[in-house]
């Protein structure tokens, strides 16, 4: 993702995360946090279909714990493989960035509402499993998933 993508991506963010505010500022601050946060978009014919943001956790380390911070796809393109494509196509780019930092990917964490259908995507694309549930964290119970010893 680049600065010129923020207007379009923030509209997707607003639709995907209606309880969150200030979508443009959120994505802009995420973009400005590179290389701690790594942001990518899915494009089709010059239109942004979705985005993904990966976050390096607990400092820059030789073995990185990566968090799938946010992923969103335009509603009309959901359930068409865009989310999985974002995950699978961005991870090799993340791996390149980590190599520049003399780091490798160790585990991936994901947290999402316990009732979020995207858990199945995280299981299939990342081999992530629910390891903990925290009651009433944001707007509902939150599932914490981990994909261990990830190879890209």
Protein backbone atom coordinates (compact mmCIF):
# COMPACT_ATOMS: atom_id res chain seq x y z
CA UNK A 1 0.00 0.00 0.00
CA UNK A 2 1.15 3.50 -0.80
CA UNK A 3 -0.11 6.95 0.22
CA UNK A 4 -2.07 7.28 -3.03
CA UNK A 5 -4.07 4.15 -2.04
CA UNK A 6 -5.31 5.52 1.29
CA UNK A 7 -8.59 7.11 0.12
CA UNK A 8 -9.83 3.97 -1.58
CA UNK A 9 -8.49 1.61 1.09
CA UNK A 10 -10.05 3.69 3.88
CA UNK A 11 -13.50 3.22 2.29
CA UNK A 12 -12.97 -0.54 2.41
CA UNK A 13 -11.83 -0.21 6.04
CA UNK A 14 -15.00 1.74 6.93
CA UNK A 15 -17.20 -0.99 5.46
CA UNK A 16 -15.24 -3.87 6.97
CA UNK A 17 -14.84 -2.39 10.45
CA UNK A 18 -17.96 -0.27 11.12
CA UNK A 19 -17.25 0.05 14.87
CA UNK A 20 -13.86 1.65 14.19
CA UNK A 21 -13.46 5.37 13.54
CA UNK A 22 -11.10 7.54 11.51
CA UNK A 23 -10.31 4.91 8.88
CA UNK A 24 -8.06 7.16 6.78
CA UNK A 25 -5.96 8.17 9.80
CA UNK A 26 -5.75 4.55 10.98
CA UNK A 27 -4.44 3.32 7.65
CA UNK A 28 -2.15 6.33 7.23
CA UNK A 29 -0.57 5.70 10.63
CA UNK A 30 -0.20 2.01 9.75
CA UNK A 31 1.50 2.92 6.49
CA UNK A 32 3.81 5.34 8.28
CA UNK A 33 4.83 2.62 10.75
CA UNK A 34 6.84 0.71 8.11
CA UNK A 35 8.75 -1.59 8.60
CA UNK A 36 7.05 -2.51 11.88
CA UNK A 37 3.75 -2.66 9.98
CA UNK A 38 3.71 -4.06 6.44
CA UNK A 39 0.70 -3.11 4.30
CA UNK A 40 -0.36 -4.62 0.97
CA UNK A 41 -3.34 -4.22 -1.37
CA UNK A 42 -5.15 -6.41 -3.88
CA UNK A 43 -5.87 -4.60 -7.16
CA UNK A 44 -8.02 -5.50 -10.16
CA UNK A 45 -8.14 -3.13 -13.13
CA UNK A 46 -6.88 -0.15 -11.10
CA UNK A 47 -9.44 -0.69 -8.32
CA UNK A 48 -8.44 -1.76 -4.82
CA UNK A 49 -10.32 -4.90 -3.81
CA UNK A 50 -8.84 -5.29 -0.36
CA UNK A 51 -5.85 -4.83 1.91
CA UNK A 52 -3.83 -6.66 4.53
CA UNK A 53 -1.65 -5.28 7.32
CA UNK A 54 0.98 -7.43 9.05
CA UNK A 55 2.56 -6.28 12.33
CA UNK A 56 5.92 -7.38 13.70
CA UNK A 57 5.43 -8.05 17.41
CA UNK A 58 7.72 -7.35 20.38
CA UNK A 59 10.53 -5.60 18.55
CA UNK A 60 12.77 -6.56 15.64
CA UNK A 61 14.14 -10.01 16.47
CA UNK A 62 16.06 -12.79 14.70
CA UNK A 63 12.82 -14.82 14.73
CA UNK A 64 9.73 -12.73 14.09
CA UNK A 65 6.29 -13.22 15.54
CA UNK A 66 4.02 -11.69 12.93
CA UNK A 67 0.46 -10.60 13.63
CA UNK A 68 -2.21 -10.42 10.96
CA UNK A 69 -3.28 -7.00 12.19
CA UNK A 70 -6.10 -6.39 9.70
CA UNK A 71 -7.44 -7.83 6.48
CA UNK A 72 -10.43 -6.46 4.59
CA UNK A 73 -12.05 -7.09 1.22
CA UNK A 74 -14.80 -5.07 -0.47
CA UNK A 75 -18.13 -6.72 0.37
CA UNK A 76 -18.96 -7.49 -3.27
CA UNK A 77 -15.66 -9.39 -3.64
CA UNK A 78 -15.83 -11.39 -0.40
CA UNK A 79 -15.88 -15.21 -0.58
CA UNK A 80 -14.07 -15.10 -3.94
CA UNK A 81 -10.57 -15.95 -2.67
CA UNK A 82 -9.29 -12.36 -2.41
CA UNK A 83 -8.51 -12.67 1.31
CA UNK A 84 -6.61 -15.90 0.82
CA UNK A 85 -4.75 -14.37 -2.13
CA UNK A 86 -3.80 -11.36 -0.01
CA UNK A 87 -2.40 -13.66 2.67
CA UNK A 88 -0.57 -16.01 0.31
CA UNK A 89 0.84 -13.30 -1.99
CA UNK A 90 1.93 -10.92 0.77
CA UNK A 91 3.76 -13.44 2.96
CA UNK A 92 6.67 -13.92 0.50
CA UNK A 93 7.03 -10.11 0.40
CA UNK A 94 7.03 -10.04 4.20
CA UNK A 95 9.72 -12.73 4.16
CA UNK A 96 11.88 -10.54 1.89
CA UNK A 97 11.50 -7.59 4.27
CA UNK A 98 12.36 -9.78 7.25
CA UNK A 99 15.50 -11.01 5.47
CA UNK A 100 16.59 -7.37 5.06
CA UNK A 101 16.32 -7.15 8.86
CA UNK A 102 18.28 -10.41 9.32
CA UNK A 103 15.14 -12.10 10.58
CA UNK A 104 13.00 -15.10 9.72
CA UNK A 105 9.30 -15.75 10.27
CA UNK A 106 8.58 -17.97 13.25
CA UNK A 107 4.87 -17.79 14.14
CA UNK A 108 1.80 -15.84 13.01
CA UNK A 109 -0.88 -14.64 15.40
CA UNK A 110 -4.42 -13.63 14.50
CA UNK A 111 -7.15 -12.39 16.76
CA UNK A 112 -10.74 -12.08 15.64
CA UNK A 113 -14.25 -12.22 17.02
CA UNK A 114 -15.13 -15.72 18.09
CA UNK A 115 -18.12 -15.68 15.72
CA UNK A 116 -16.15 -14.37 12.70
CA UNK A 117 -16.43 -16.66 9.67
CA UNK A 118 -12.87 -15.65 8.68
CA UNK A 119 -11.48 -18.11 11.22
CA UNK A 120 -11.89 -20.76 8.53
CA UNK A 121 -9.74 -18.68 6.15
CA UNK A 122 -7.01 -18.41 8.79
CA UNK A 123 -7.14 -22.16 9.41
CA UNK A 124 -6.86 -22.98 5.71
CA UNK A 125 -4.41 -20.31 4.56
CA UNK A 126 -2.16 -20.17 7.62
CA UNK A 127 -2.90 -23.43 9.47
CA UNK A 128 -3.75 -21.24 12.48
CA UNK A 129 -5.67 -22.72 15.40
CA UNK A 130 -7.59 -21.10 18.23
CA UNK A 131 -5.40 -21.21 21.32
CA UNK A 132 -7.34 -18.90 23.64
CA UNK A 133 -10.63 -17.07 23.94
CA UNK A 134 -10.97 -13.82 25.84
CA UNK A 135 -14.49 -12.93 26.92
CA UNK A 136 -15.97 -9.58 25.89
CA UNK A 137 -12.69 -8.00 24.75
CA UNK A 138 -13.82 -5.55 22.06
CA UNK A 139 -17.42 -5.97 20.96
CA UNK A 140 -17.68 -9.70 21.68
CA UNK A 141 -15.59 -12.71 22.67
CA UNK A 142 -12.22 -12.72 20.88
CA UNK A 143 -10.42 -15.79 19.56
CA UNK A 144 -6.63 -15.75 19.56
CA UNK A 145 -5.22 -17.98 16.85
CA UNK A 146 -1.61 -19.02 16.24
CA UNK A 147 0.06 -20.54 13.20
CA UNK A 148 3.25 -22.09 14.53
CA UNK A 149 6.55 -22.60 12.72
CA UNK A 150 5.33 -21.01 9.50
CA UNK A 151 7.21 -21.71 6.29
CA UNK A 152 6.61 -19.51 3.26
